[in-house]
Amino acid sequence: ESKAHLLMERLPEYPYLDIVDYPKRKYLYNDIACHIIGYVKAISQREYEVLKHLGYEKTDNIGKDGLEKYYDYELKGEDGFNYVEVDVKNVGLKEIESKRAIPGKDLYLTLDLDLQIHMTEFMQGKKGAFIAMDSKTGGIITAVSSPTYNLNTLASKMSVEDWEKIQKNINMPLTNRVS
């Protein structure tokens, strides 16, 4: 159990605390296939105005690049909620209304993970791209754009300065050299 969950159980003892959670992607391989996978960031006001009729909220993260962007709606799922009546000490009295969250769809790629890792390591320190395709199926089995970036860094909340530092990097790690 996380520290946040333990603290949430004791919130009535600390009325001056407020716990705020936010969704965050967890990428198992940091920079592997980063340009193919893409990344998510907070929805902009302009994007919200275009997408709100599809169930997007002002607080959502949406795909900004790669497969995260292309398949965002399918991967999104639907948020759930749980409205609970509480007393003055913030102790739950009864459930008023709830809706189960619906997970988004799974996405399966033709990439060969071992080959993707090998070619990412091979391309380290170089600028360029490497693509390999299965000649029988036409499926892409590896696609590496170098330099790479860490997907988990972009999945975290980051300062404007850190985001600008990535965007202004002279090696342009966000540039997808495969496409």
Protein backbone atom coordinates (compact mmCIF):
# COMPACT_ATOMS: atom_id res chain seq x y z
CA GLU A 1 0.00 0.00 0.00
CA SER A 2 1.33 3.44 -0.93
CA LYS A 3 2.12 6.23 1.50
CA ALA A 4 -0.66 8.29 -0.09
CA HIS A 5 -3.23 5.56 0.66
CA LEU A 6 -2.05 5.28 4.27
CA LEU A 7 -2.23 9.04 4.65
CA MET A 8 -5.70 9.16 3.05
CA GLU A 9 -6.98 6.83 5.77
CA ARG A 10 -5.79 9.34 8.37
CA LEU A 11 -6.91 12.53 6.59
CA PRO A 12 -9.45 13.43 9.30
CA GLU A 13 -6.46 13.86 11.66
CA TYR A 14 -4.87 16.35 9.21
CA PRO A 15 -7.61 18.70 7.95
CA TYR A 16 -4.98 21.06 6.46
CA LEU A 17 -3.76 18.41 3.97
CA ASP A 18 -5.22 17.73 0.58
CA ILE A 19 -4.12 14.81 -1.58
CA VAL A 20 -4.36 15.34 -5.32
CA ASP A 21 -3.82 12.44 -7.69
CA TYR A 22 -3.26 12.54 -11.41
CA PRO A 23 -2.98 9.86 -14.06
CA LYS A 24 0.50 9.00 -15.24
CA ARG A 25 1.79 6.57 -17.83
CA LYS A 26 4.49 4.13 -16.74
CA TYR A 27 6.74 3.01 -19.58
CA LEU A 28 8.72 -0.15 -18.88
CA TYR A 29 11.63 0.60 -21.23
CA ASN A 30 12.23 4.36 -20.86
CA ASP A 31 13.48 5.32 -24.35
CA ILE A 32 12.82 2.14 -26.34
CA ALA A 33 10.54 2.92 -29.31
CA CYS A 34 9.89 6.38 -27.86
CA HIS A 35 9.28 7.98 -31.24
CA ILE A 36 6.88 5.21 -32.24
CA ILE A 37 5.00 5.20 -28.92
CA GLY A 38 4.96 8.98 -28.50
CA TYR A 39 3.98 10.71 -25.28
CA VAL A 40 1.06 12.28 -23.42
CA LYS A 41 0.80 15.74 -21.92
CA ALA A 42 -1.95 17.94 -20.52
CA ILE A 43 -4.72 18.80 -22.96
CA SER A 44 -4.53 22.38 -24.22
CA GLN A 45 -7.54 24.70 -24.20
CA ARG A 46 -7.70 24.51 -28.02
CA GLU A 47 -7.58 20.69 -27.97
CA TYR A 48 -10.22 20.59 -25.23
CA GLU A 49 -12.61 22.73 -27.28
CA VAL A 50 -12.26 20.32 -30.22
CA LEU A 51 -12.46 17.10 -28.14
CA LYS A 52 -14.87 17.85 -25.28
CA HIS A 53 -17.81 16.32 -27.18
CA LEU A 54 -15.90 12.99 -27.08
CA GLY A 55 -15.82 12.97 -23.27
CA TYR A 56 -12.47 14.70 -22.71
CA GLU A 57 -12.07 16.83 -19.61
CA LYS A 58 -9.95 19.96 -19.04
CA THR A 59 -7.74 17.93 -16.69
CA ASP A 60 -7.03 15.06 -19.12
CA ASN A 61 -3.69 14.08 -20.55
CA ILE A 62 -3.83 13.33 -24.25
CA GLY A 63 -1.47 11.83 -26.80
CA LYS A 64 0.76 14.48 -28.33
CA ASP A 65 2.87 12.32 -30.64
CA GLY A 66 3.22 8.84 -32.09
CA LEU A 67 0.79 6.03 -31.31
CA GLU A 68 -0.26 7.83 -28.12
CA LYS A 69 -1.68 10.59 -30.33
CA TYR A 70 -3.01 8.43 -33.17
CA TYR A 71 -4.85 6.00 -30.88
CA ASP A 72 -5.55 8.37 -27.98
CA TYR A 73 -9.34 7.95 -28.02
CA GLU A 74 -9.12 4.13 -28.14
CA LEU A 75 -6.51 4.02 -25.36
CA LYS A 76 -8.33 6.57 -23.18
CA GLY A 77 -11.20 4.50 -21.78
CA GLU A 78 -13.75 6.22 -19.57
CA ASP A 79 -13.25 7.76 -16.14
CA GLY A 80 -15.20 6.46 -13.20
CA PHE A 81 -16.35 8.32 -10.11
CA ASN A 82 -17.55 7.74 -6.58
CA TYR A 83 -19.62 10.43 -4.85
CA VAL A 84 -19.69 9.98 -1.08
CA GLU A 85 -21.49 12.00 1.56
CA VAL A 86 -19.08 13.04 4.33
CA ASP A 87 -19.47 14.66 7.73
CA VAL A 88 -17.66 17.81 8.93
CA LYS A 89 -14.59 15.71 9.77
CA ASN A 90 -14.44 14.38 6.18
CA VAL A 91 -15.48 10.91 7.29
CA GLY A 92 -17.54 9.05 4.69
CA LEU A 93 -21.14 8.41 5.70
CA LYS A 94 -22.73 6.88 2.61
CA GLU A 95 -22.20 6.41 -1.09
CA ILE A 96 -24.45 8.64 -3.18
CA GLU A 97 -23.52 7.61 -6.72
CA SER A 98 -20.71 5.79 -8.48
CA LYS A 99 -19.63 4.65 -11.92
CA ARG A 100 -16.91 2.10 -12.65
CA ALA A 101 -14.00 3.25 -14.78
CA ILE A 102 -13.75 1.53 -18.16
CA PRO A 103 -10.17 0.81 -19.24
CA GLY A 104 -9.03 1.75 -22.72
CA LYS A 105 -8.27 -0.83 -25.38
CA ASP A 106 -4.96 -2.68 -25.63
CA LEU A 107 -2.64 -2.01 -28.56
CA TYR A 108 -0.34 -4.69 -29.95
CA LEU A 109 2.67 -3.82 -32.11
CA THR A 110 4.70 -5.87 -34.59
CA LEU A 111 7.95 -4.56 -33.11
CA ASP A 112 10.49 -7.15 -31.99
CA LEU A 113 11.49 -5.93 -28.52
CA ASP A 114 14.94 -7.56 -28.48
CA LEU A 115 15.80 -6.13 -31.90
CA GLN A 116 14.37 -2.73 -30.92
CA ILE A 117 16.57 -2.65 -27.80
CA HIS A 118 19.64 -3.82 -29.76
CA MET A 119 19.21 -1.22 -32.49
CA THR A 120 18.49 1.55 -29.97
CA GLU A 121 21.80 0.72 -28.26
CA PHE A 122 23.58 0.51 -31.65
CA MET A 123 22.25 3.97 -32.64
CA GLN A 124 23.22 5.58 -29.31
CA GLY A 125 25.34 8.68 -29.89
CA LYS A 126 24.30 8.89 -33.53
CA LYS A 127 21.71 11.00 -35.36
CA GLY A 128 19.62 9.02 -37.78
CA ALA A 129 17.07 6.28 -38.19
CA PHE A 130 16.95 2.52 -38.67
CA ILE A 131 13.88 0.61 -39.88
CA ALA A 132 13.39 -3.12 -40.52
CA MET A 133 10.28 -4.73 -41.96
CA ASP A 134 9.09 -8.33 -42.08
CA SER A 135 9.05 -8.97 -45.84
CA LYS A 136 6.29 -11.61 -45.53
CA THR A 137 3.78 -9.54 -43.55
CA GLY A 138 4.91 -5.96 -44.14
CA GLY A 139 4.93 -5.43 -40.36
CA ILE A 140 7.58 -3.09 -38.97
CA ILE A 141 9.81 -5.15 -36.63
CA THR A 142 12.06 -2.30 -35.56
CA ALA A 143 12.03 1.45 -36.03
CA VAL A 144 14.61 3.53 -34.20
CA SER A 145 15.04 7.29 -34.35
CA SER A 146 18.16 8.60 -32.66
CA PRO A 147 18.75 10.40 -30.40
CA THR A 148 16.00 9.09 -28.15
CA TYR A 149 14.26 10.58 -25.13
CA ASN A 150 12.99 9.05 -21.89
CA LEU A 151 9.23 8.44 -22.09
CA ASN A 152 8.92 8.39 -18.28
CA THR A 153 10.45 11.86 -18.01
CA LEU A 154 7.81 13.22 -20.37
CA ALA A 155 5.05 11.26 -18.58
CA SER A 156 5.83 13.08 -15.32
CA LYS A 157 4.72 16.55 -14.44
CA MET A 158 7.55 18.81 -15.46
CA SER A 159 8.31 22.49 -15.29
CA VAL A 160 8.02 24.76 -18.30
CA GLU A 161 11.79 25.25 -18.13
CA ASP A 162 12.48 21.48 -18.30
CA TRP A 163 10.03 21.08 -21.21
CA GLU A 164 11.68 23.98 -23.08
CA LYS A 165 15.11 22.48 -22.43
CA ILE A 166 14.03 19.25 -24.16
CA GLN A 167 12.41 21.13 -27.04
CA LYS A 168 15.45 23.38 -27.58
CA ASN A 169 18.05 20.59 -27.30
CA ILE A 170 20.46 21.02 -30.23
CA ASN A 171 20.28 17.26 -30.96
CA MET A 172 16.48 17.53 -31.31
CA PRO A 173 15.58 14.26 -29.47
CA LEU A 174 11.83 14.82 -30.05
CA THR A 175 12.34 14.74 -33.83
CA ASN A 176 11.16 11.47 -35.33
CA ARG A 177 13.73 10.69 -38.00
CA VAL A 178 11.87 7.52 -39.01
CA SER A 179 8.92 9.37 -40.56
